[in-house]
Amino acid sequence: MKKSMLLYTAIAACAIVGIAAVALKDPAQPVPSVLENRAELEALRTGDMKKLQFHEVAKPVPDVAFTRDDGNQGRLQDYQGKVTLVNFWATWCAPCRKEMAMLAELQTELGGDAFEVVTIATGRNAPQAMQAFFDEIGVTNLPLHNDTTSGLARAMGVLGLPATLIVAPDGHEIARLQGDADWASDSAKAILRNLMTGQ
């Protein structure tokens, strides 16, 4: 009887360990190939880019719509196939004003088939105020997308502005920087070029 009880206990313990192992290994959260050289990417961080945190596990981008600058609905999935720098901002955000010109410079230098800066104003931002914001700082090459209800920002866990997320070509968020940063710096460009080429 005791042997039977010990056997059943051992089997149950093995089953629990097996279930736990399966639970910890989540195949729905892949590590994109762009993060295989994570140590090299982290070594490229200097200055403001030291605030850029690469995730241990890539995060799927939520399927939540925002309003594009042409009035139609858009989703971050629309940018799959390229490295996307997603910047959440607002017209009342002073650090956003400082940062936006740097994001525009980054788009001018690196934007194309492999990379794009996507700017999304979140919360109550009147389209006229958004346009005035860009006009005042001379930004003409970034989109005036709007997340009026903050639905996308909430789904992505954005807690403060500005917030900038890097999304890999496969549509998974791989890194995030909270607060403003010099995105036109040599460090930022080196990191993004590395992600674009996978080298």
N, C-alpha and C. Protein backbone atom coordinates (compact mmCIF):
# COMPACT_ATOMS: atom_id res chain seq x y z
N MET A 1 0.83 -1.20 0.00
CA MET A 1 0.00 0.00 0.00
C MET A 1 0.87 1.26 0.00
N LYS A 2 1.90 1.23 0.88
CA LYS A 2 2.79 2.38 0.96
C LYS A 2 3.53 2.59 -0.36
N LYS A 3 3.95 1.46 -0.98
CA LYS A 3 4.66 1.56 -2.26
C LYS A 3 3.76 2.16 -3.33
N SER A 4 2.49 1.76 -3.33
CA SER A 4 1.54 2.29 -4.31
C SER A 4 1.36 3.79 -4.12
N MET A 5 1.24 4.21 -2.86
CA MET A 5 1.06 5.62 -2.58
C MET A 5 2.27 6.43 -3.01
N LEU A 6 3.47 5.87 -2.75
CA LEU A 6 4.70 6.55 -3.15
C LEU A 6 4.78 6.66 -4.68
N LEU A 7 4.37 5.61 -5.36
CA LEU A 7 4.40 5.60 -6.82
C LEU A 7 3.46 6.66 -7.38
N TYR A 8 2.23 6.70 -6.84
CA TYR A 8 1.26 7.70 -7.30
C TYR A 8 1.75 9.12 -7.02
N THR A 9 2.37 9.31 -5.86
CA THR A 9 2.90 10.63 -5.51
C THR A 9 4.00 11.05 -6.47
N ALA A 10 4.87 10.11 -6.80
CA ALA A 10 5.97 10.40 -7.72
C ALA A 10 5.44 10.75 -9.11
N ILE A 11 4.43 9.99 -9.57
CA ILE A 11 3.84 10.25 -10.89
C ILE A 11 3.19 11.63 -10.91
N ALA A 12 2.46 11.96 -9.84
CA ALA A 12 1.79 13.26 -9.75
C ALA A 12 2.81 14.39 -9.76
N ALA A 13 3.92 14.21 -9.04
CA ALA A 13 4.96 15.24 -8.98
C ALA A 13 5.56 15.47 -10.36
N CYS A 14 5.81 14.40 -11.09
CA CYS A 14 6.37 14.51 -12.45
C CYS A 14 5.40 15.23 -13.37
N ALA A 15 4.12 14.93 -13.22
CA ALA A 15 3.10 15.57 -14.06
C ALA A 15 3.06 17.07 -13.80
N ILE A 16 3.15 17.46 -12.53
CA ILE A 16 3.12 18.89 -12.18
C ILE A 16 4.33 19.60 -12.76
N VAL A 17 5.50 18.98 -12.64
CA VAL A 17 6.73 19.56 -13.19
C VAL A 17 6.61 19.72 -14.70
N GLY A 18 6.03 18.70 -15.34
CA GLY A 18 5.87 18.75 -16.80
C GLY A 18 4.94 19.86 -17.22
N ILE A 19 3.83 20.03 -16.51
CA ILE A 19 2.87 21.08 -16.83
C ILE A 19 3.51 22.45 -16.64
N ALA A 20 4.27 22.60 -15.57
CA ALA A 20 4.94 23.88 -15.30
C ALA A 20 5.93 24.21 -16.40
N ALA A 21 6.65 23.21 -16.87
CA ALA A 21 7.64 23.43 -17.92
C ALA A 21 6.96 23.89 -19.21
N VAL A 22 5.83 23.28 -19.52
CA VAL A 22 5.09 23.67 -20.72
C VAL A 22 4.57 25.09 -20.58
N ALA A 23 4.09 25.43 -19.37
CA ALA A 23 3.55 26.76 -19.14
C ALA A 23 4.61 27.83 -19.28
N LEU A 24 5.83 27.53 -18.83
CA LEU A 24 6.91 28.50 -18.91
C LEU A 24 7.41 28.70 -20.33
N LYS A 25 7.28 27.70 -21.14
CA LYS A 25 7.74 27.79 -22.52
C LYS A 25 6.56 28.19 -23.39
N ASP A 26 6.45 29.48 -23.71
CA ASP A 26 5.31 30.00 -24.46
C ASP A 26 5.69 30.16 -25.92
N PRO A 27 5.27 29.24 -26.78
CA PRO A 27 5.66 29.31 -28.18
C PRO A 27 5.04 30.50 -28.90
N ALA A 28 4.05 31.15 -28.29
CA ALA A 28 3.42 32.30 -28.92
C ALA A 28 4.26 33.57 -28.76
N GLN A 29 5.34 33.49 -28.01
CA GLN A 29 6.19 34.64 -27.77
C GLN A 29 7.59 34.38 -28.34
N PRO A 30 7.75 34.44 -29.65
CA PRO A 30 9.05 34.12 -30.25
C PRO A 30 10.08 35.21 -29.98
N VAL A 31 11.34 34.84 -30.09
CA VAL A 31 12.42 35.82 -30.04
C VAL A 31 12.82 36.09 -31.48
N PRO A 32 12.53 37.29 -32.00
CA PRO A 32 12.86 37.58 -33.40
C PRO A 32 14.35 37.47 -33.66
N SER A 33 14.70 37.19 -34.89
CA SER A 33 16.11 37.04 -35.25
C SER A 33 16.88 38.32 -34.99
N VAL A 34 16.19 39.47 -35.03
CA VAL A 34 16.89 40.74 -34.79
C VAL A 34 17.41 40.85 -33.36
N LEU A 35 16.87 40.03 -32.44
CA LEU A 35 17.35 40.08 -31.05
C LEU A 35 18.40 39.02 -30.75
N GLU A 36 18.78 38.25 -31.74
CA GLU A 36 19.80 37.22 -31.51
C GLU A 36 21.15 37.85 -31.16
N ASN A 37 21.36 39.11 -31.62
CA ASN A 37 22.61 39.80 -31.29
C ASN A 37 22.35 40.89 -30.25
N ARG A 38 21.51 40.54 -29.29
CA ARG A 38 21.09 41.50 -28.25
C ARG A 38 22.27 42.14 -27.53
N ALA A 39 23.28 41.38 -27.19
CA ALA A 39 24.43 41.93 -26.46
C ALA A 39 25.11 43.02 -27.29
N GLU A 40 25.21 42.78 -28.58
CA GLU A 40 25.82 43.78 -29.47
C GLU A 40 24.96 45.04 -29.53
N LEU A 41 23.65 44.86 -29.59
CA LEU A 41 22.74 46.00 -29.62
C LEU A 41 22.86 46.83 -28.35
N GLU A 42 22.90 46.15 -27.22
CA GLU A 42 22.99 46.86 -25.94
C GLU A 42 24.31 47.59 -25.81
N ALA A 43 25.36 47.05 -26.42
CA ALA A 43 26.67 47.70 -26.36
C ALA A 43 26.69 49.00 -27.17
N LEU A 44 25.76 49.15 -28.11
CA LEU A 44 25.69 50.36 -28.93
C LEU A 44 25.00 51.52 -28.22
N ARG A 45 24.41 51.26 -27.06
CA ARG A 45 23.66 52.29 -26.34
C ARG A 45 24.61 53.24 -25.61
N THR A 46 24.56 54.51 -25.99
CA THR A 46 25.29 55.55 -25.28
C THR A 46 24.36 56.74 -25.11
N GLY A 47 24.70 57.65 -24.21
CA GLY A 47 23.88 58.84 -24.00
C GLY A 47 22.44 58.49 -23.65
N ASP A 48 21.51 59.18 -24.30
CA ASP A 48 20.08 58.95 -24.04
C ASP A 48 19.66 57.51 -24.33
N MET A 49 20.35 56.87 -25.26
CA MET A 49 19.95 55.51 -25.66
C MET A 49 20.18 54.48 -24.56
N LYS A 50 20.86 54.86 -23.48
CA LYS A 50 21.00 53.95 -22.35
C LYS A 50 19.65 53.67 -21.71
N LYS A 51 18.67 54.55 -21.97
CA LYS A 51 17.32 54.35 -21.45
C LYS A 51 16.53 53.33 -22.27
N LEU A 52 17.04 52.98 -23.44
CA LEU A 52 16.35 52.02 -24.31
C LEU A 52 16.50 50.62 -23.74
N GLN A 53 15.37 49.97 -23.45
CA GLN A 53 15.38 48.64 -22.84
C GLN A 53 14.89 47.60 -23.85
N PHE A 54 15.76 46.63 -24.15
CA PHE A 54 15.36 45.52 -25.02
C PHE A 54 14.64 44.47 -24.17
N HIS A 55 13.52 43.98 -24.67
CA HIS A 55 12.73 43.02 -23.92
C HIS A 55 13.39 41.64 -23.91
N GLU A 56 13.19 40.92 -22.82
CA GLU A 56 13.67 39.54 -22.75
C GLU A 56 12.88 38.66 -23.72
N VAL A 57 11.59 38.95 -23.85
CA VAL A 57 10.70 38.21 -24.74
C VAL A 57 9.94 39.22 -25.59
N ALA A 58 9.88 39.00 -26.89
CA ALA A 58 9.17 39.90 -27.79
C ALA A 58 7.67 39.91 -27.46
N LYS A 59 7.06 41.08 -27.62
CA LYS A 59 5.64 41.23 -27.28
C LYS A 59 4.81 41.45 -28.54
N PRO A 60 3.76 40.65 -28.73
CA PRO A 60 2.91 40.87 -29.90
C PRO A 60 2.26 42.25 -29.84
N VAL A 61 2.17 42.89 -30.98
CA VAL A 61 1.52 44.20 -31.04
C VAL A 61 0.01 43.99 -31.05
N PRO A 62 -0.74 44.69 -30.18
CA PRO A 62 -2.19 44.48 -30.12
C PRO A 62 -2.88 44.94 -31.40
N ASP A 63 -3.95 44.27 -31.73
CA ASP A 63 -4.72 44.59 -32.93
C ASP A 63 -5.77 45.66 -32.57
N VAL A 64 -5.29 46.88 -32.35
CA VAL A 64 -6.15 47.99 -31.96
C VAL A 64 -5.97 49.12 -32.98
N ALA A 65 -7.08 49.67 -33.43
CA ALA A 65 -7.03 50.68 -34.48
C ALA A 65 -6.73 52.07 -33.92
N PHE A 66 -6.13 52.91 -34.77
CA PHE A 66 -5.97 54.33 -34.50
C PHE A 66 -6.45 55.07 -35.75
N THR A 67 -6.56 56.37 -35.66
CA THR A 67 -7.01 57.16 -36.81
C THR A 67 -5.80 57.70 -37.56
N ARG A 68 -5.70 57.31 -38.81
CA ARG A 68 -4.59 57.78 -39.65
C ARG A 68 -4.79 59.25 -40.00
N ASP A 69 -3.71 59.89 -40.47
CA ASP A 69 -3.81 61.30 -40.81
C ASP A 69 -4.73 61.57 -42.00
N ASP A 70 -5.07 60.50 -42.76
CA ASP A 70 -6.01 60.67 -43.86
C ASP A 70 -7.46 60.41 -43.44
N GLY A 71 -7.66 60.15 -42.13
CA GLY A 71 -9.00 59.92 -41.61
C GLY A 71 -9.43 58.48 -41.57
N ASN A 72 -8.68 57.60 -42.22
CA ASN A 72 -9.01 56.17 -42.22
C ASN A 72 -8.41 55.48 -40.98
N GLN A 73 -8.88 54.26 -40.73
CA GLN A 73 -8.33 53.49 -39.62
C GLN A 73 -7.01 52.85 -40.02
N GLY A 74 -6.10 52.80 -39.08
CA GLY A 74 -4.83 52.14 -39.29
C GLY A 74 -4.51 51.23 -38.11
N ARG A 75 -3.58 50.32 -38.32
CA ARG A 75 -3.10 49.43 -37.26
C ARG A 75 -1.60 49.29 -37.40
N LEU A 76 -0.93 48.99 -36.30
CA LEU A 76 0.52 48.82 -36.38
C LEU A 76 0.90 47.64 -37.25
N GLN A 77 -0.03 46.69 -37.41
CA GLN A 77 0.24 45.55 -38.29
C GLN A 77 0.45 45.99 -39.74
N ASP A 78 -0.02 47.20 -40.08
CA ASP A 78 0.14 47.71 -41.44
C ASP A 78 1.62 47.92 -41.79
N TYR A 79 2.47 47.99 -40.77
CA TYR A 79 3.89 48.30 -41.00
C TYR A 79 4.77 47.06 -40.95
N GLN A 80 4.17 45.89 -40.90
CA GLN A 80 4.98 44.66 -40.86
C GLN A 80 5.87 44.59 -42.10
N GLY A 81 7.05 44.04 -41.90
CA GLY A 81 8.01 43.94 -42.99
C GLY A 81 9.14 44.95 -42.87
N LYS A 82 8.98 45.90 -41.93
CA LYS A 82 10.05 46.88 -41.71
C LYS A 82 10.20 47.13 -40.21
N VAL A 83 11.35 47.62 -39.82
CA VAL A 83 11.56 48.04 -38.44
C VAL A 83 10.78 49.34 -38.26
N THR A 84 9.93 49.40 -37.24
CA THR A 84 9.08 50.56 -37.03
C THR A 84 9.36 51.18 -35.66
N LEU A 85 9.60 52.48 -35.66
CA LEU A 85 9.79 53.22 -34.42
C LEU A 85 8.48 53.95 -34.14
N VAL A 86 7.73 53.48 -33.15
CA VAL A 86 6.41 54.03 -32.84
C VAL A 86 6.54 54.99 -31.66
N ASN A 87 6.19 56.27 -31.92
CA ASN A 87 6.32 57.30 -30.90
C ASN A 87 4.94 57.80 -30.49
N PHE A 88 4.60 57.67 -29.20
CA PHE A 88 3.37 58.20 -28.64
C PHE A 88 3.67 59.58 -28.06
N TRP A 89 2.85 60.57 -28.42
CA TRP A 89 3.10 61.95 -28.02
C TRP A 89 1.78 62.67 -27.82
N ALA A 90 1.84 63.95 -27.41
CA ALA A 90 0.65 64.79 -27.27
C ALA A 90 1.06 66.24 -27.45
N THR A 91 0.11 67.06 -27.87
CA THR A 91 0.41 68.47 -28.14
C THR A 91 0.81 69.23 -26.87
N TRP A 92 0.34 68.77 -25.70
CA TRP A 92 0.64 69.46 -24.44
C TRP A 92 1.96 69.00 -23.81
N CYS A 93 2.63 68.05 -24.45
CA CYS A 93 3.83 67.42 -23.88
C CYS A 93 5.09 68.17 -24.31
N ALA A 94 5.69 68.93 -23.38
CA ALA A 94 6.88 69.72 -23.71
C ALA A 94 8.06 68.87 -24.18
N PRO A 95 8.39 67.75 -23.52
CA PRO A 95 9.50 66.92 -24.02
C PRO A 95 9.23 66.37 -25.42
N CYS A 96 7.96 66.19 -25.77
CA CYS A 96 7.62 65.69 -27.10
C CYS A 96 8.05 66.69 -28.18
N ARG A 97 7.88 67.97 -27.88
CA ARG A 97 8.26 69.04 -28.83
C ARG A 97 9.75 68.98 -29.12
N LYS A 98 10.53 68.82 -28.08
CA LYS A 98 11.99 68.74 -28.23
C LYS A 98 12.39 67.51 -29.05
N GLU A 99 11.71 66.41 -28.79
CA GLU A 99 12.08 65.14 -29.41
C GLU A 99 11.63 65.02 -30.87
N MET A 100 10.50 65.67 -31.21
CA MET A 100 9.89 65.45 -32.52
C MET A 100 10.82 65.83 -33.67
N ALA A 101 11.56 66.92 -33.51
CA ALA A 101 12.49 67.33 -34.57
C ALA A 101 13.57 66.27 -34.80
N MET A 102 13.98 65.61 -33.73
CA MET A 102 14.99 64.55 -33.85
C MET A 102 14.41 63.32 -34.55
N LEU A 103 13.16 63.02 -34.26
CA LEU A 103 12.50 61.91 -34.95
C LEU A 103 12.35 62.20 -36.43
N ALA A 104 12.08 63.46 -36.76
CA ALA A 104 11.97 63.86 -38.17
C ALA A 104 13.30 63.68 -38.89
N GLU A 105 14.38 64.07 -38.21
CA GLU A 105 15.72 63.89 -38.80
C GLU A 105 16.02 62.40 -39.02
N LEU A 106 15.63 61.59 -38.06
CA LEU A 106 15.83 60.15 -38.16
C LEU A 106 15.07 59.58 -39.36
N GLN A 107 13.82 60.03 -39.54
CA GLN A 107 13.03 59.56 -40.67
C GLN A 107 13.65 59.99 -42.00
N THR A 108 14.17 61.22 -42.05
CA THR A 108 14.81 61.71 -43.27
C THR A 108 16.01 60.85 -43.64
N GLU A 109 16.81 60.47 -42.64
CA GLU A 109 18.04 59.74 -42.92
C GLU A 109 17.82 58.24 -43.14
N LEU A 110 16.93 57.62 -42.36
CA LEU A 110 16.80 56.16 -42.42
C LEU A 110 15.49 55.68 -43.03
N GLY A 111 14.50 56.55 -43.13
CA GLY A 111 13.17 56.12 -43.60
C GLY A 111 13.19 55.53 -44.99
N GLY A 112 12.37 54.50 -45.19
CA GLY A 112 12.32 53.84 -46.50
C GLY A 112 11.67 52.48 -46.37
N ASP A 113 12.03 51.56 -47.25
CA ASP A 113 11.42 50.23 -47.27
C ASP A 113 11.74 49.41 -46.03
N ALA A 114 12.87 49.71 -45.36
CA ALA A 114 13.28 48.88 -44.22
C ALA A 114 12.99 49.53 -42.86
N PHE A 115 12.63 50.82 -42.87
CA PHE A 115 12.45 51.52 -41.60
C PHE A 115 11.46 52.66 -41.74
N GLU A 116 10.69 52.90 -40.67
CA GLU A 116 9.76 54.03 -40.67
C GLU A 116 9.49 54.52 -39.25
N VAL A 117 9.42 55.84 -39.10
CA VAL A 117 9.00 56.45 -37.84
C VAL A 117 7.50 56.68 -37.93
N VAL A 118 6.76 56.18 -36.96
CA VAL A 118 5.30 56.33 -36.92
C VAL A 118 4.95 57.11 -35.65
N THR A 119 4.47 58.33 -35.81
CA THR A 119 4.11 59.17 -34.67
C THR A 119 2.60 59.14 -34.47
N ILE A 120 2.17 58.87 -33.23
CA ILE A 120 0.75 58.75 -32.91
C ILE A 120 0.44 59.62 -31.69
N ALA A 121 -0.35 60.67 -31.89
CA ALA A 121 -0.78 61.51 -30.77
C ALA A 121 -1.87 60.75 -30.02
N THR A 122 -1.70 60.63 -28.71
CA THR A 122 -2.67 59.86 -27.94
C THR A 122 -3.44 60.76 -26.98
N GLY A 123 -4.73 60.49 -26.84
CA GLY A 123 -5.59 61.32 -26.01
C GLY A 123 -6.25 62.41 -26.84
N ARG A 124 -6.76 63.43 -26.15
CA ARG A 124 -7.49 64.50 -26.84
C ARG A 124 -6.50 65.50 -27.46
N ASN A 125 -6.29 65.36 -28.74
CA ASN A 125 -5.41 66.26 -29.49
C ASN A 125 -6.16 66.69 -30.75
N ALA A 126 -6.58 67.95 -30.79
CA ALA A 126 -7.31 68.44 -31.96
C ALA A 126 -6.40 68.40 -33.18
N PRO A 127 -6.92 67.96 -34.32
CA PRO A 127 -6.10 67.91 -35.53
C PRO A 127 -5.42 69.23 -35.86
N GLN A 128 -6.13 70.35 -35.64
CA GLN A 128 -5.53 71.66 -35.92
C GLN A 128 -4.34 71.93 -35.00
N ALA A 129 -4.49 71.55 -33.74
CA ALA A 129 -3.40 71.74 -32.77
C ALA A 129 -2.20 70.85 -33.12
N MET A 130 -2.49 69.64 -33.58
CA MET A 130 -1.42 68.73 -33.98
C MET A 130 -0.65 69.30 -35.17
N GLN A 131 -1.38 69.84 -36.15
CA GLN A 131 -0.72 70.43 -37.32
C GLN A 131 0.10 71.65 -36.92
N ALA A 132 -0.46 72.47 -36.03
CA ALA A 132 0.27 73.65 -35.56
C ALA A 132 1.55 73.25 -34.83
N PHE A 133 1.47 72.17 -34.05
CA PHE A 133 2.63 71.64 -33.32
C PHE A 133 3.75 71.32 -34.31
N PHE A 134 3.41 70.60 -35.38
CA PHE A 134 4.41 70.23 -36.39
C PHE A 134 4.92 71.46 -37.14
N ASP A 135 4.00 72.38 -37.47
CA ASP A 135 4.39 73.57 -38.23
C ASP A 135 5.38 74.42 -37.44
N GLU A 136 5.14 74.56 -36.14
CA GLU A 136 5.99 75.41 -35.30
C GLU A 136 7.42 74.90 -35.21
N ILE A 137 7.60 73.58 -35.30
CA ILE A 137 8.96 73.04 -35.21
C ILE A 137 9.50 72.59 -36.58
N GLY A 138 8.72 72.86 -37.62
CA GLY A 138 9.18 72.59 -38.99
C GLY A 138 9.22 71.13 -39.37
N VAL A 139 8.33 70.32 -38.80
CA VAL A 139 8.29 68.89 -39.14
C VAL A 139 7.28 68.67 -40.26
N THR A 140 7.74 68.09 -41.36
CA THR A 140 6.87 67.87 -42.53
C THR A 140 6.84 66.42 -43.00
N ASN A 141 7.68 65.57 -42.39
CA ASN A 141 7.82 64.21 -42.92
C ASN A 141 7.33 63.12 -41.97
N LEU A 142 6.58 63.50 -40.92
CA LEU A 142 6.04 62.51 -39.99
C LEU A 142 4.52 62.55 -40.03
N PRO A 143 3.86 61.41 -39.77
CA PRO A 143 2.41 61.36 -39.87
C PRO A 143 1.71 61.96 -38.65
N LEU A 144 0.52 62.52 -38.89
CA LEU A 144 -0.30 63.08 -37.82
C LEU A 144 -1.40 62.09 -37.45
N HIS A 145 -1.00 60.87 -37.10
CA HIS A 145 -1.95 59.85 -36.67
C HIS A 145 -2.45 60.20 -35.26
N ASN A 146 -3.67 59.73 -34.94
CA ASN A 146 -4.29 60.10 -33.67
C ASN A 146 -4.93 58.89 -33.00
N ASP A 147 -4.60 58.69 -31.73
CA ASP A 147 -5.19 57.64 -30.90
C ASP A 147 -6.11 58.35 -29.90
N THR A 148 -7.23 58.88 -30.41
CA THR A 148 -8.09 59.79 -29.65
C THR A 148 -8.54 59.23 -28.31
N THR A 149 -8.91 57.96 -28.27
CA THR A 149 -9.41 57.34 -27.03
C THR A 149 -8.29 56.76 -26.18
N SER A 150 -7.06 56.84 -26.66
CA SER A 150 -5.89 56.23 -26.00
C SER A 150 -6.01 54.72 -25.92
N GLY A 151 -6.87 54.14 -26.76
CA GLY A 151 -7.07 52.69 -26.74
C GLY A 151 -5.81 51.92 -27.09
N LEU A 152 -5.08 52.38 -28.12
CA LEU A 152 -3.85 51.70 -28.50
C LEU A 152 -2.78 51.89 -27.44
N ALA A 153 -2.65 53.10 -26.94
CA ALA A 153 -1.65 53.37 -25.89
C ALA A 153 -1.89 52.51 -24.67
N ARG A 154 -3.15 52.39 -24.25
CA ARG A 154 -3.46 51.55 -23.09
C ARG A 154 -3.15 50.09 -23.37
N ALA A 155 -3.52 49.62 -24.56
CA ALA A 155 -3.29 48.21 -24.91
C ALA A 155 -1.80 47.88 -24.93
N MET A 156 -0.97 48.89 -25.21
CA MET A 156 0.47 48.68 -25.28
C MET A 156 1.16 49.02 -23.97
N GLY A 157 0.39 49.39 -22.95
CA GLY A 157 0.98 49.66 -21.63
C GLY A 157 1.77 50.95 -21.57
N VAL A 158 1.38 51.94 -22.38
CA VAL A 158 2.06 53.24 -22.35
C VAL A 158 1.53 54.02 -21.15
N LEU A 159 2.42 54.36 -20.22
CA LEU A 159 2.02 54.99 -18.97
C LEU A 159 2.35 56.47 -18.90
N GLY A 160 3.20 56.95 -19.77
CA GLY A 160 3.58 58.36 -19.77
C GLY A 160 4.07 58.76 -21.15
N LEU A 161 4.17 60.07 -21.39
CA LEU A 161 4.59 60.57 -22.70
C LEU A 161 5.83 61.45 -22.55
N PRO A 162 6.68 61.43 -23.57
CA PRO A 162 6.62 60.55 -24.73
C PRO A 162 7.05 59.12 -24.39
N ALA A 163 6.64 58.20 -25.23
CA ALA A 163 7.08 56.81 -25.13
C ALA A 163 7.35 56.32 -26.54
N THR A 164 8.47 55.65 -26.71
CA THR A 164 8.86 55.20 -28.04
C THR A 164 9.14 53.71 -28.02
N LEU A 165 8.52 52.99 -28.94
CA LEU A 165 8.62 51.53 -29.00
C LEU A 165 9.25 51.13 -30.33
N ILE A 166 10.07 50.11 -30.30
CA ILE A 166 10.63 49.56 -31.53
C ILE A 166 9.92 48.25 -31.84
N VAL A 167 9.34 48.18 -33.02
CA VAL A 167 8.62 46.99 -33.46
C VAL A 167 9.42 46.33 -34.58
N ALA A 168 9.68 45.03 -34.42
CA ALA A 168 10.45 44.27 -35.41
C ALA A 168 9.61 44.04 -36.66
N PRO A 169 10.25 43.67 -37.78
CA PRO A 169 9.51 43.43 -39.02
C PRO A 169 8.41 42.38 -38.89
N ASP A 170 8.53 41.46 -37.92
CA ASP A 170 7.50 40.42 -37.76
C ASP A 170 6.31 40.91 -36.93
N GLY A 171 6.33 42.18 -36.51
CA GLY A 171 5.19 42.74 -35.79
C GLY A 171 5.24 42.59 -34.29
N HIS A 172 6.40 42.29 -33.72
CA HIS A 172 6.53 42.16 -32.27
C HIS A 172 7.35 43.33 -31.72
N GLU A 173 6.88 43.87 -30.58
CA GLU A 173 7.64 44.91 -29.90
C GLU A 173 8.87 44.28 -29.26
N ILE A 174 10.04 44.86 -29.54
CA ILE A 174 11.28 44.28 -29.02
C ILE A 174 12.02 45.21 -28.05
N ALA A 175 11.65 46.50 -28.04
CA ALA A 175 12.34 47.44 -27.16
C ALA A 175 11.46 48.64 -26.90
N ARG A 176 11.79 49.37 -25.82
CA ARG A 176 10.99 50.54 -25.45
C ARG A 176 11.86 51.55 -24.72
N LEU A 177 11.58 52.83 -24.96
CA LEU A 177 12.27 53.90 -24.25
C LEU A 177 11.20 54.84 -23.70
N GLN A 178 11.21 55.04 -22.39
CA GLN A 178 10.25 55.93 -21.74
C GLN A 178 10.89 57.29 -21.57
N GLY A 179 10.18 58.34 -21.99
CA GLY A 179 10.72 59.69 -21.91
C GLY A 179 11.33 60.11 -23.23
N ASP A 180 11.79 61.35 -23.30
CA ASP A 180 12.36 61.85 -24.55
C ASP A 180 13.81 61.41 -24.69
N ALA A 181 14.28 61.41 -25.92
CA ALA A 181 15.66 61.01 -26.19
C ALA A 181 16.11 61.61 -27.51
N ASP A 182 17.41 61.66 -27.70
CA ASP A 182 17.98 62.17 -28.94
C ASP A 182 18.00 61.04 -29.98
N TRP A 183 16.90 60.91 -30.71
CA TRP A 183 16.79 59.85 -31.71
C TRP A 183 17.58 60.15 -32.97
N ALA A 184 18.20 61.33 -33.05
CA ALA A 184 19.06 61.64 -34.19
C ALA A 184 20.53 61.41 -33.85
N SER A 185 20.79 60.85 -32.67
CA SER A 185 22.17 60.61 -32.23
C SER A 185 22.80 59.47 -33.01
N ASP A 186 24.12 59.45 -33.00
CA ASP A 186 24.86 58.37 -33.68
C ASP A 186 24.50 57.03 -33.06
N SER A 187 24.30 57.01 -31.74
CA SER A 187 23.97 55.76 -31.05
C SER A 187 22.62 55.22 -31.52
N ALA A 188 21.61 56.09 -31.59
CA ALA A 188 20.29 55.66 -32.04
C ALA A 188 20.35 55.11 -33.47
N LYS A 189 21.05 55.83 -34.33
CA LYS A 189 21.13 55.41 -35.73
C LYS A 189 21.88 54.08 -35.87
N ALA A 190 22.92 53.90 -35.06
CA ALA A 190 23.68 52.65 -35.12
C ALA A 190 22.82 51.47 -34.69
N ILE A 191 22.03 51.65 -33.63
CA ILE A 191 21.14 50.58 -33.15
C ILE A 191 20.12 50.23 -34.22
N LEU A 192 19.50 51.24 -34.81
CA LEU A 192 18.45 51.00 -35.80
C LEU A 192 19.01 50.39 -37.09
N ARG A 193 20.18 50.84 -37.51
CA ARG A 193 20.81 50.24 -38.69
C ARG A 193 21.11 48.76 -38.43
N ASN A 194 21.57 48.47 -37.23
CA ASN A 194 21.84 47.08 -36.86
C ASN A 194 20.58 46.25 -36.95
N LEU A 195 19.46 46.78 -36.45
CA LEU A 195 18.19 46.06 -36.51
C LEU A 195 17.71 45.89 -37.94
N MET A 196 17.95 46.90 -38.76
CA MET A 196 17.50 46.85 -40.16
C MET A 196 18.26 45.80 -40.98
N THR A 197 19.54 45.69 -40.68
CA THR A 197 20.37 44.75 -41.45
C THR A 197 20.48 43.39 -40.80
N GLY A 198 20.17 43.34 -39.48
CA GLY A 198 20.31 42.07 -38.76
C GLY A 198 21.74 41.69 -38.52
N GLN A 199 22.65 42.67 -38.64
CA GLN A 199 24.07 42.40 -38.45
C GLN A 199 24.55 42.96 -37.12
